[in-house]
């Protein structure tokens, strides 16, 4: 589903990852993180796709709301589990969305 975002500007966090072969509880945790993020102040929406490469883009009102999400305690535990178990590699990019349009 394509996220419904507000009028620009807003921010996007792009999380790109390659998984390891060990993914026990990954889907459960990923779904929990989406539900948790939806309750965070400043959260605007999320889009995600996974094949060999996973890409998740979350949308936020401000850099402060992104920082707050990064430091949320349950999210921090999931980040650690990802580094230790689920991800072979990942990259995070934070972008300011200046313009968007749709069809």
PDB file of N, CA and C in Angstrom:
ATOM      1  N   UNK A   1       0.843  -1.174   0.000  1.00  0.00           N
ATOM      2  CA  UNK A   1       0.000   0.000   0.000  1.00  0.00           C
ATOM      3  C   UNK A   1       0.894   1.245   0.000  1.00  0.00           C
ATOM      4  N   UNK A   2       0.517   2.226  -0.752  1.00  0.00           N
ATOM      5  CA  UNK A   2       1.261   3.483  -0.809  1.00  0.00           C
ATOM      6  C   UNK A   2       0.771   4.383   0.320  1.00  0.00           C
ATOM      7  N   UNK A   3       1.715   4.882   1.114  1.00  0.00           N
ATOM      8  CA  UNK A   3       1.382   5.737   2.263  1.00  0.00           C
ATOM      9  C   UNK A   3       0.766   7.052   1.800  1.00  0.00           C
ATOM     10  N   UNK A   4      -0.236   7.502   2.518  1.00  0.00           N
ATOM     11  CA  UNK A   4      -0.840   8.817   2.289  1.00  0.00           C
ATOM     12  C   UNK A   4      -0.061   9.818   3.136  1.00  0.00           C
ATOM     13  N   UNK A   5       0.695  10.663   2.506  1.00  0.00           N
ATOM     14  CA  UNK A   5       1.532  11.622   3.221  1.00  0.00           C
ATOM     15  C   UNK A   5       0.957  13.027   3.082  1.00  0.00           C
ATOM     16  N   UNK A   6       1.315  13.915   4.017  1.00  0.00           N
ATOM     17  CA  UNK A   6       0.775  15.278   3.993  1.00  0.00           C
ATOM     18  C   UNK A   6       1.501  16.148   2.973  1.00  0.00           C
ATOM     19  N   UNK A   7       1.109  17.372   2.924  1.00  0.00           N
ATOM     20  CA  UNK A   7       1.790  18.356   2.095  1.00  0.00           C
ATOM     21  C   UNK A   7       3.252  18.455   2.530  1.00  0.00           C
ATOM     22  N   UNK A   8       4.141  18.580   1.574  1.00  0.00           N
ATOM     23  CA  UNK A   8       5.569  18.699   1.880  1.00  0.00           C
ATOM     24  C   UNK A   8       5.851  20.040   2.559  1.00  0.00           C
ATOM     25  N   UNK A   9       6.953  20.128   3.297  1.00  0.00           N
ATOM     26  CA  UNK A   9       7.985  19.121   3.482  1.00  0.00           C
ATOM     27  C   UNK A   9       7.670  18.179   4.647  1.00  0.00           C
ATOM     28  N   UNK A  10       8.245  16.995   4.580  1.00  0.00           N
ATOM     29  CA  UNK A  10       8.242  16.019   5.657  1.00  0.00           C
ATOM     30  C   UNK A  10       9.503  15.183   5.459  1.00  0.00           C
ATOM     31  N   UNK A  11       9.719  14.183   6.285  1.00  0.00           N
ATOM     32  CA  UNK A  11      10.954  13.414   6.235  1.00  0.00           C
ATOM     33  C   UNK A  11      10.682  11.946   5.931  1.00  0.00           C
ATOM     34  N   UNK A  12      11.644  11.308   5.277  1.00  0.00           N
ATOM     35  CA  UNK A  12      11.585   9.881   4.981  1.00  0.00           C
ATOM     36  C   UNK A  12      12.823   9.208   5.551  1.00  0.00           C
ATOM     37  N   UNK A  13      12.625   8.075   6.186  1.00  0.00           N
ATOM     38  CA  UNK A  13      13.723   7.223   6.636  1.00  0.00           C
ATOM     39  C   UNK A  13      13.696   5.995   5.731  1.00  0.00           C
ATOM     40  N   UNK A  14      14.765   5.803   4.986  1.00  0.00           N
ATOM     41  CA  UNK A  14      14.871   4.678   4.054  1.00  0.00           C
ATOM     42  C   UNK A  14      15.789   3.642   4.683  1.00  0.00           C
ATOM     43  N   UNK A  15      15.231   2.465   4.958  1.00  0.00           N
ATOM     44  CA  UNK A  15      15.981   1.370   5.573  1.00  0.00           C
ATOM     45  C   UNK A  15      16.105   0.260   4.529  1.00  0.00           C
ATOM     46  N   UNK A  16      17.331   0.023   4.075  1.00  0.00           N
ATOM     47  CA  UNK A  16      17.611  -0.999   3.067  1.00  0.00           C
ATOM     48  C   UNK A  16      18.417  -2.109   3.732  1.00  0.00           C
ATOM     49  N   UNK A  17      18.026  -3.370   3.495  1.00  0.00           N
ATOM     50  CA  UNK A  17      18.693  -4.460   4.216  1.00  0.00           C
ATOM     51  C   UNK A  17      18.822  -5.728   3.386  1.00  0.00           C
ATOM     52  N   UNK A  18      19.829  -6.509   3.744  1.00  0.00           N
ATOM     53  CA  UNK A  18      20.031  -7.873   3.261  1.00  0.00           C
ATOM     54  C   UNK A  18      19.926  -8.773   4.483  1.00  0.00           C
ATOM     55  N   UNK A  19      19.116  -9.813   4.368  1.00  0.00           N
ATOM     56  CA  UNK A  19      18.892 -10.724   5.490  1.00  0.00           C
ATOM     57  C   UNK A  19      19.953 -11.819   5.556  1.00  0.00           C
ATOM     58  N   UNK A  20      20.133 -12.362   6.751  1.00  0.00           N
ATOM     59  CA  UNK A  20      20.906 -13.586   6.919  1.00  0.00           C
ATOM     60  C   UNK A  20      19.950 -14.752   6.624  1.00  0.00           C
ATOM     61  N   UNK A  21      20.403 -15.964   6.774  1.00  0.00           N
ATOM     62  CA  UNK A  21      19.539 -17.134   6.597  1.00  0.00           C
ATOM     63  C   UNK A  21      18.700 -17.406   7.844  1.00  0.00           C
ATOM     64  N   UNK A  22      19.016 -16.753   8.945  1.00  0.00           N
ATOM     65  CA  UNK A  22      18.289 -16.971  10.197  1.00  0.00           C
ATOM     66  C   UNK A  22      17.261 -15.862  10.376  1.00  0.00           C
ATOM     67  N   UNK A  23      15.993 -16.197  10.232  1.00  0.00           N
ATOM     68  CA  UNK A  23      14.959 -15.167  10.352  1.00  0.00           C
ATOM     69  C   UNK A  23      13.836 -15.530  11.325  1.00  0.00           C
ATOM     70  N   UNK A  24      14.138 -16.409  12.283  1.00  0.00           N
ATOM     71  CA  UNK A  24      13.139 -16.790  13.287  1.00  0.00           C
ATOM     72  C   UNK A  24      12.625 -15.535  14.007  1.00  0.00           C
ATOM     73  N   UNK A  25      11.310 -15.383  14.062  1.00  0.00           N
ATOM     74  CA  UNK A  25      10.618 -14.275  14.736  1.00  0.00           C
ATOM     75  C   UNK A  25      10.774 -12.925  14.033  1.00  0.00           C
ATOM     76  N   UNK A  26      11.429 -12.892  12.865  1.00  0.00           N
ATOM     77  CA  UNK A  26      11.614 -11.617  12.188  1.00  0.00           C
ATOM     78  C   UNK A  26      10.275 -10.986  11.805  1.00  0.00           C
ATOM     79  N   UNK A  27       9.411 -11.742  11.132  1.00  0.00           N
ATOM     80  CA  UNK A  27       8.131 -11.192  10.677  1.00  0.00           C
ATOM     81  C   UNK A  27       7.289 -10.695  11.845  1.00  0.00           C
ATOM     82  N   UNK A  28       7.270 -11.453  12.916  1.00  0.00           N
ATOM     83  CA  UNK A  28       6.518 -11.055  14.116  1.00  0.00           C
ATOM     84  C   UNK A  28       7.046  -9.730  14.663  1.00  0.00           C
ATOM     85  N   UNK A  29       8.362  -9.610  14.745  1.00  0.00           N
ATOM     86  CA  UNK A  29       8.971  -8.391  15.268  1.00  0.00           C
ATOM     87  C   UNK A  29       8.762  -7.221  14.309  1.00  0.00           C
ATOM     88  N   UNK A  30       8.910  -7.465  13.015  1.00  0.00           N
ATOM     89  CA  UNK A  30       8.708  -6.398  12.024  1.00  0.00           C
ATOM     90  C   UNK A  30       7.276  -5.867  12.099  1.00  0.00           C
ATOM     91  N   UNK A  31       6.305  -6.750  12.201  1.00  0.00           N
ATOM     92  CA  UNK A  31       4.906  -6.318  12.328  1.00  0.00           C
ATOM     93  C   UNK A  31       4.684  -5.535  13.616  1.00  0.00           C
ATOM     94  N   UNK A  32       5.320  -5.967  14.694  1.00  0.00           N
ATOM     95  CA  UNK A  32       5.211  -5.247  15.965  1.00  0.00           C
ATOM     96  C   UNK A  32       5.813  -3.849  15.852  1.00  0.00           C
ATOM     97  N   UNK A  33       6.936  -3.711  15.139  1.00  0.00           N
ATOM     98  CA  UNK A  33       7.568  -2.397  14.982  1.00  0.00           C
ATOM     99  C   UNK A  33       6.668  -1.447  14.191  1.00  0.00           C
ATOM    100  N   UNK A  34       5.962  -1.960  13.194  1.00  0.00           N
ATOM    101  CA  UNK A  34       5.035  -1.113  12.428  1.00  0.00           C
ATOM    102  C   UNK A  34       3.919  -0.621  13.340  1.00  0.00           C
ATOM    103  N   UNK A  35       3.343  -1.523  14.133  1.00  0.00           N
ATOM    104  CA  UNK A  35       2.265  -1.128  15.048  1.00  0.00           C
ATOM    105  C   UNK A  35       2.769  -0.123  16.081  1.00  0.00           C
ATOM    106  N   UNK A  36       3.964  -0.330  16.582  1.00  0.00           N
ATOM    107  CA  UNK A  36       4.557   0.580  17.559  1.00  0.00           C
ATOM    108  C   UNK A  36       4.840   1.947  16.933  1.00  0.00           C
ATOM    109  N   UNK A  37       5.378   1.953  15.728  1.00  0.00           N
ATOM    110  CA  UNK A  37       5.684   3.214  15.041  1.00  0.00           C
ATOM    111  C   UNK A  37       4.422   4.026  14.802  1.00  0.00           C
ATOM    112  N   UNK A  38       3.324   3.353  14.461  1.00  0.00           N
ATOM    113  CA  UNK A  38       2.059   4.045  14.208  1.00  0.00           C
ATOM    114  C   UNK A  38       1.595   4.859  15.410  1.00  0.00           C
ATOM    115  N   UNK A  39       2.040   4.481  16.601  1.00  0.00           N
ATOM    116  CA  UNK A  39       1.655   5.189  17.828  1.00  0.00           C
ATOM    117  C   UNK A  39       2.647   6.269  18.238  1.00  0.00           C
ATOM    118  N   UNK A  40       3.710   6.428  17.463  1.00  0.00           N
ATOM    119  CA  UNK A  40       4.727   7.431  17.780  1.00  0.00           C
ATOM    120  C   UNK A  40       4.286   8.808  17.290  1.00  0.00           C
ATOM    121  N   UNK A  41       4.547   9.816  18.089  1.00  0.00           N
ATOM    122  CA  UNK A  41       4.269  11.184  17.676  1.00  0.00           C
ATOM    123  C   UNK A  41       5.077  11.504  16.415  1.00  0.00           C
ATOM    124  N   UNK A  42       4.419  12.059  15.416  1.00  0.00           N
ATOM    125  CA  UNK A  42       5.100  12.464  14.198  1.00  0.00           C
ATOM    126  C   UNK A  42       5.138  11.419  13.104  1.00  0.00           C
ATOM    127  N   UNK A  43       4.642  10.205  13.367  1.00  0.00           N
ATOM    128  CA  UNK A  43       4.626   9.156  12.343  1.00  0.00           C
ATOM    129  C   UNK A  43       3.569   9.485  11.305  1.00  0.00           C
ATOM    130  N   UNK A  44       3.933   9.350  10.016  1.00  0.00           N
ATOM    131  CA  UNK A  44       3.012   9.681   8.923  1.00  0.00           C
ATOM    132  C   UNK A  44       2.604   8.482   8.073  1.00  0.00           C
ATOM    133  N   UNK A  45       3.434   7.456   8.005  1.00  0.00           N
ATOM    134  CA  UNK A  45       3.111   6.293   7.185  1.00  0.00           C
ATOM    135  C   UNK A  45       4.335   5.457   6.904  1.00  0.00           C
ATOM    136  N   UNK A  46       4.099   4.312   6.232  1.00  0.00           N
ATOM    137  CA  UNK A  46       5.199   3.384   5.957  1.00  0.00           C
ATOM    138  C   UNK A  46       4.901   2.604   4.675  1.00  0.00           C
ATOM    139  N   UNK A  47       5.959   2.263   3.962  1.00  0.00           N
ATOM    140  CA  UNK A  47       5.895   1.411   2.775  1.00  0.00           C
ATOM    141  C   UNK A  47       7.054   0.428   2.860  1.00  0.00           C
ATOM    142  N   UNK A  48       6.814  -0.822   2.435  1.00  0.00           N
ATOM    143  CA  UNK A  48       7.858  -1.826   2.565  1.00  0.00           C
ATOM    144  C   UNK A  48       7.748  -2.868   1.459  1.00  0.00           C
ATOM    145  N   UNK A  49       8.901  -3.355   1.001  1.00  0.00           N
ATOM    146  CA  UNK A  49       8.960  -4.423   0.014  1.00  0.00           C
ATOM    147  C   UNK A  49      10.193  -5.270   0.312  1.00  0.00           C
ATOM    148  N   UNK A  50      10.069  -6.579   0.058  1.00  0.00           N
ATOM    149  CA  UNK A  50      11.213  -7.457   0.304  1.00  0.00           C
ATOM    150  C   UNK A  50      11.251  -8.556  -0.748  1.00  0.00           C
ATOM    151  N   UNK A  51      12.407  -8.669  -1.371  1.00  0.00           N
ATOM    152  CA  UNK A  51      12.769  -9.812  -2.204  1.00  0.00           C
ATOM    153  C   UNK A  51      14.145 -10.215  -1.711  1.00  0.00           C
ATOM    154  N   UNK A  52      15.148 -10.167  -2.554  1.00  0.00           N
ATOM    155  CA  UNK A  52      16.515 -10.400  -2.093  1.00  0.00           C
ATOM    156  C   UNK A  52      16.999  -9.225  -1.257  1.00  0.00           C
ATOM    157  N   UNK A  53      16.490  -8.052  -1.585  1.00  0.00           N
ATOM    158  CA  UNK A  53      16.828  -6.818  -0.884  1.00  0.00           C
ATOM    159  C   UNK A  53      15.545  -6.272  -0.271  1.00  0.00           C
ATOM    160  N   UNK A  54      15.602  -5.890   0.988  1.00  0.00           N
ATOM    161  CA  UNK A  54      14.434  -5.301   1.637  1.00  0.00           C
ATOM    162  C   UNK A  54      14.562  -3.794   1.690  1.00  0.00           C
ATOM    163  N   UNK A  55      13.461  -3.105   1.420  1.00  0.00           N
ATOM    164  CA  UNK A  55      13.439  -1.650   1.517  1.00  0.00           C
ATOM    165  C   UNK A  55      12.180  -1.252   2.263  1.00  0.00           C
ATOM    166  N   UNK A  56      12.364  -0.518   3.335  1.00  0.00           N
ATOM    167  CA  UNK A  56      11.255   0.030   4.100  1.00  0.00           C
ATOM    168  C   UNK A  56      11.460   1.532   4.184  1.00  0.00           C
ATOM    169  N   UNK A  57      10.419   2.278   3.839  1.00  0.00           N
ATOM    170  CA  UNK A  57      10.460   3.729   3.931  1.00  0.00           C
ATOM    171  C   UNK A  57       9.386   4.149   4.915  1.00  0.00           C
ATOM    172  N   UNK A  58       9.806   4.830   5.979  1.00  0.00           N
ATOM    173  CA  UNK A  58       8.841   5.389   6.922  1.00  0.00           C
ATOM    174  C   UNK A  58       8.876   6.905   6.795  1.00  0.00           C
ATOM    175  N   UNK A  59       7.727   7.524   7.027  1.00  0.00           N
ATOM    176  CA  UNK A  59       7.570   8.966   6.843  1.00  0.00           C
ATOM    177  C   UNK A  59       7.262   9.622   8.177  1.00  0.00           C
ATOM    178  N   UNK A  60       7.891  10.802   8.400  1.00  0.00           N
ATOM    179  CA  UNK A  60       7.833  11.469   9.692  1.00  0.00           C
ATOM    180  C   UNK A  60       7.674  12.971   9.524  1.00  0.00           C
ATOM    181  N   UNK A  61       7.077  13.599  10.524  1.00  0.00           N
ATOM    182  CA  UNK A  61       6.874  15.052  10.502  1.00  0.00           C
ATOM    183  C   UNK A  61       8.164  15.831  10.666  1.00  0.00           C
ATOM    184  N   UNK A  62       9.096  15.291  11.463  1.00  0.00           N
ATOM    185  CA  UNK A  62      10.282  16.074  11.826  1.00  0.00           C
ATOM    186  C   UNK A  62      11.475  15.171  12.128  1.00  0.00           C
ATOM    187  N   UNK A  63      12.649  15.783  12.165  1.00  0.00           N
ATOM    188  CA  UNK A  63      13.849  15.056  12.594  1.00  0.00           C
ATOM    189  C   UNK A  63      13.742  14.636  14.051  1.00  0.00           C
ATOM    190  N   UNK A  64      13.068  15.444  14.861  1.00  0.00           N
ATOM    191  CA  UNK A  64      12.887  15.111  16.276  1.00  0.00           C
ATOM    192  C   UNK A  64      12.052  13.846  16.436  1.00  0.00           C
ATOM    193  N   UNK A  65      11.005  13.699  15.616  1.00  0.00           N
ATOM    194  CA  UNK A  65      10.169  12.498  15.715  1.00  0.00           C
ATOM    195  C   UNK A  65      10.952  11.259  15.262  1.00  0.00           C
ATOM    196  N   UNK A  66      11.840  11.411  14.286  1.00  0.00           N
ATOM    197  CA  UNK A  66      12.694  10.298  13.847  1.00  0.00           C
ATOM    198  C   UNK A  66      13.639   9.891  14.973  1.00  0.00           C
ATOM    199  N   UNK A  67      14.238  10.869  15.616  1.00  0.00           N
ATOM    200  CA  UNK A  67      15.166  10.590  16.723  1.00  0.00           C
ATOM    201  C   UNK A  67      14.437   9.892  17.870  1.00  0.00           C
ATOM    202  N   UNK A  68      13.241  10.348  18.166  1.00  0.00           N
ATOM    203  CA  UNK A  68      12.447   9.738  19.227  1.00  0.00           C
ATOM    204  C   UNK A  68      12.144   8.276  18.899  1.00  0.00           C
ATOM    205  N   UNK A  69      11.790   7.997  17.647  1.00  0.00           N
ATOM    206  CA  UNK A  69      11.528   6.621  17.223  1.00  0.00           C
ATOM    207  C   UNK A  69      12.793   5.773  17.322  1.00  0.00           C
ATOM    208  N   UNK A  70      13.921   6.290  16.877  1.00  0.00           N
ATOM    209  CA  UNK A  70      15.185   5.548  16.940  1.00  0.00           C
ATOM    210  C   UNK A  70      15.512   5.139  18.374  1.00  0.00           C
ATOM    211  N   UNK A  71      15.154   6.003  19.329  1.00  0.00           N
ATOM    212  CA  UNK A  71      15.496   5.751  20.732  1.00  0.00           C
ATOM    213  C   UNK A  71      14.390   5.079  21.537  1.00  0.00           C
ATOM    214  N   UNK A  72      13.272   4.728  20.907  1.00  0.00           N
ATOM    215  CA  UNK A  72      12.186   4.045  21.616  1.00  0.00           C
ATOM    216  C   UNK A  72      12.700   2.691  22.102  1.00  0.00           C
ATOM    217  N   UNK A  73      12.435   2.337  23.364  1.00  0.00           N
ATOM    218  CA  UNK A  73      13.085   1.187  24.007  1.00  0.00           C
ATOM    219  C   UNK A  73      12.832  -0.152  23.303  1.00  0.00           C
ATOM    220  N   UNK A  74      11.609  -0.450  22.928  1.00  0.00           N
ATOM    221  CA  UNK A  74      11.329  -1.720  22.255  1.00  0.00           C
ATOM    222  C   UNK A  74      11.953  -1.742  20.859  1.00  0.00           C
ATOM    223  N   UNK A  75      11.969  -0.593  20.200  1.00  0.00           N
ATOM    224  CA  UNK A  75      12.612  -0.477  18.886  1.00  0.00           C
ATOM    225  C   UNK A  75      14.120  -0.702  19.012  1.00  0.00           C
ATOM    226  N   UNK A  76      14.725  -0.178  20.078  1.00  0.00           N
ATOM    227  CA  UNK A  76      16.168  -0.373  20.292  1.00  0.00           C
ATOM    228  C   UNK A  76      16.500  -1.858  20.446  1.00  0.00           C
ATOM    229  N   UNK A  77      15.636  -2.603  21.147  1.00  0.00           N
ATOM    230  CA  UNK A  77      15.851  -4.050  21.301  1.00  0.00           C
ATOM    231  C   UNK A  77      15.769  -4.750  19.941  1.00  0.00           C
ATOM    232  N   UNK A  78      14.814  -4.361  19.115  1.00  0.00           N
ATOM    233  CA  UNK A  78      14.678  -4.950  17.781  1.00  0.00           C
ATOM    234  C   UNK A  78      15.892  -4.603  16.915  1.00  0.00           C
ATOM    235  N   UNK A  79      16.399  -3.375  17.043  1.00  0.00           N
ATOM    236  CA  UNK A  79      17.593  -2.978  16.292  1.00  0.00           C
ATOM    237  C   UNK A  79      18.774  -3.878  16.656  1.00  0.00           C
ATOM    238  N   UNK A  80      18.941  -4.125  17.945  1.00  0.00           N
ATOM    239  CA  UNK A  80      20.045  -4.970  18.410  1.00  0.00           C
ATOM    240  C   UNK A  80      19.905  -6.399  17.892  1.00  0.00           C
ATOM    241  N   UNK A  81      18.683  -6.936  17.955  1.00  0.00           N
ATOM    242  CA  UNK A  81      18.433  -8.293  17.438  1.00  0.00           C
ATOM    243  C   UNK A  81      18.741  -8.350  15.940  1.00  0.00           C
ATOM    244  N   UNK A  82      18.374  -7.295  15.222  1.00  0.00           N
ATOM    245  CA  UNK A  82      18.671  -7.245  13.795  1.00  0.00           C
ATOM    246  C   UNK A  82      20.162  -7.299  13.517  1.00  0.00           C
ATOM    247  N   UNK A  83      20.929  -6.519  14.267  1.00  0.00           N
ATOM    248  CA  UNK A  83      22.386  -6.499  14.082  1.00  0.00           C
ATOM    249  C   UNK A  83      23.010  -7.847  14.420  1.00  0.00           C
ATOM    250  N   UNK A  84      22.504  -8.486  15.468  1.00  0.00           N
ATOM    251  CA  UNK A  84      23.078  -9.745  15.943  1.00  0.00           C
ATOM    252  C   UNK A  84      22.641 -10.959  15.131  1.00  0.00           C
ATOM    253  N   UNK A  85      21.419 -10.919  14.570  1.00  0.00           N
ATOM    254  CA  UNK A  85      20.824 -12.136  14.034  1.00  0.00           C
ATOM    255  C   UNK A  85      20.287 -12.022  12.617  1.00  0.00           C
ATOM    256  N   UNK A  86      19.429 -11.045  12.342  1.00  0.00           N
ATOM    257  CA  UNK A  86      18.645 -11.039  11.110  1.00  0.00           C
ATOM    258  C   UNK A  86      19.329 -10.428   9.903  1.00  0.00           C
ATOM    259  N   UNK A  87      20.152  -9.408  10.090  1.00  0.00           N
ATOM    260  CA  UNK A  87      20.690  -8.675   8.952  1.00  0.00           C
ATOM    261  C   UNK A  87      22.137  -9.025   8.663  1.00  0.00           C
ATOM    262  N   UNK A  88      22.410  -9.329   7.387  1.00  0.00           N
ATOM    263  CA  UNK A  88      23.792  -9.476   6.940  1.00  0.00           C
ATOM    264  C   UNK A  88      24.398  -8.088   6.767  1.00  0.00           C
ATOM    265  N   UNK A  89      23.554  -7.137   6.322  1.00  0.00           N
ATOM    266  CA  UNK A  89      23.964  -5.735   6.194  1.00  0.00           C
ATOM    267  C   UNK A  89      22.721  -4.871   6.078  1.00  0.00           C
ATOM    268  N   UNK A  90      22.876  -3.593   6.403  1.00  0.00           N
ATOM    269  CA  UNK A  90      21.786  -2.640   6.214  1.00  0.00           C
ATOM    270  C   UNK A  90      22.336  -1.234   6.110  1.00  0.00           C
ATOM    271  N   UNK A  91      21.514  -0.344   5.604  1.00  0.00           N
ATOM    272  CA  UNK A  91      21.870   1.071   5.495  1.00  0.00           C
ATOM    273  C   UNK A  91      20.615   1.876   5.789  1.00  0.00           C
ATOM    274  N   UNK A  92      20.793   2.985   6.510  1.00  0.00           N
ATOM    275  CA  UNK A  92      19.699   3.899   6.828  1.00  0.00           C
ATOM    276  C   UNK A  92      20.014   5.249   6.188  1.00  0.00           C
ATOM    277  N   UNK A  93      19.024   5.802   5.518  1.00  0.00           N
ATOM    278  CA  UNK A  93      19.148   7.134   4.922  1.00  0.00           C
ATOM    279  C   UNK A  93      17.982   7.972   5.419  1.00  0.00           C
ATOM    280  N   UNK A  94      18.258   9.198   5.812  1.00  0.00           N
ATOM    281  CA  UNK A  94      17.216  10.114   6.265  1.00  0.00           C
ATOM    282  C   UNK A  94      17.187  11.277   5.281  1.00  0.00           C
ATOM    283  N   UNK A  95      15.996  11.521   4.730  1.00  0.00           N
ATOM    284  CA  UNK A  95      15.845  12.504   3.662  1.00  0.00           C
ATOM    285  C   UNK A  95      14.712  13.471   3.974  1.00  0.00           C
ATOM    286  N   UNK A  96      14.866  14.694   3.548  1.00  0.00           N
ATOM    287  CA  UNK A  96      13.780  15.663   3.605  1.00  0.00           C
ATOM    288  C   UNK A  96      13.053  15.618   2.267  1.00  0.00           C
ATOM    289  N   UNK A  97      11.754  15.377   2.311  1.00  0.00           N
ATOM    290  CA  UNK A  97      10.953  15.330   1.090  1.00  0.00           C
ATOM    291  C   UNK A  97      10.480  16.751   0.800  1.00  0.00           C
ATOM    292  N   UNK A  98      10.964  17.290  -0.281  1.00  0.00           N
ATOM    293  CA  UNK A  98      10.652  18.668  -0.678  1.00  0.00           C
ATOM    294  C   UNK A  98       9.445  18.739  -1.606  1.00  0.00           C
ATOM    295  N   UNK A  99       9.238  17.654  -2.357  1.00  0.00           N
ATOM    296  CA  UNK A  99       8.157  17.644  -3.332  1.00  0.00           C
ATOM    297  C   UNK A  99       7.705  16.216  -3.530  1.00  0.00           C
ATOM    298  N   UNK A 100       6.417  16.016  -3.720  1.00  0.00           N
ATOM    299  CA  UNK A 100       5.899  14.717  -4.136  1.00  0.00           C
ATOM    300  C   UNK A 100       4.703  14.930  -5.047  1.00  0.00           C
ATOM    301  N   UNK A 101       4.403  13.933  -5.825  1.00  0.00           N
ATOM    302  CA  UNK A 101       3.232  13.959  -6.697  1.00  0.00           C
ATOM    303  C   UNK A 101       2.805  12.530  -6.922  1.00  0.00           C
ATOM    304  N   UNK A 102       1.586  12.341  -7.421  1.00  0.00           N
ATOM    305  CA  UNK A 102       1.084  10.984  -7.561  1.00  0.00           C
ATOM    306  C   UNK A 102       0.167  10.829  -8.761  1.00  0.00           C
ATOM    307  N   UNK A 103      -0.097   9.579  -9.097  1.00  0.00           N
ATOM    308  CA  UNK A 103      -1.001   9.227 -10.171  1.00  0.00           C
ATOM    309  C   UNK A 103      -1.993   8.242  -9.616  1.00  0.00           C
TER     310      UNK A 103
END
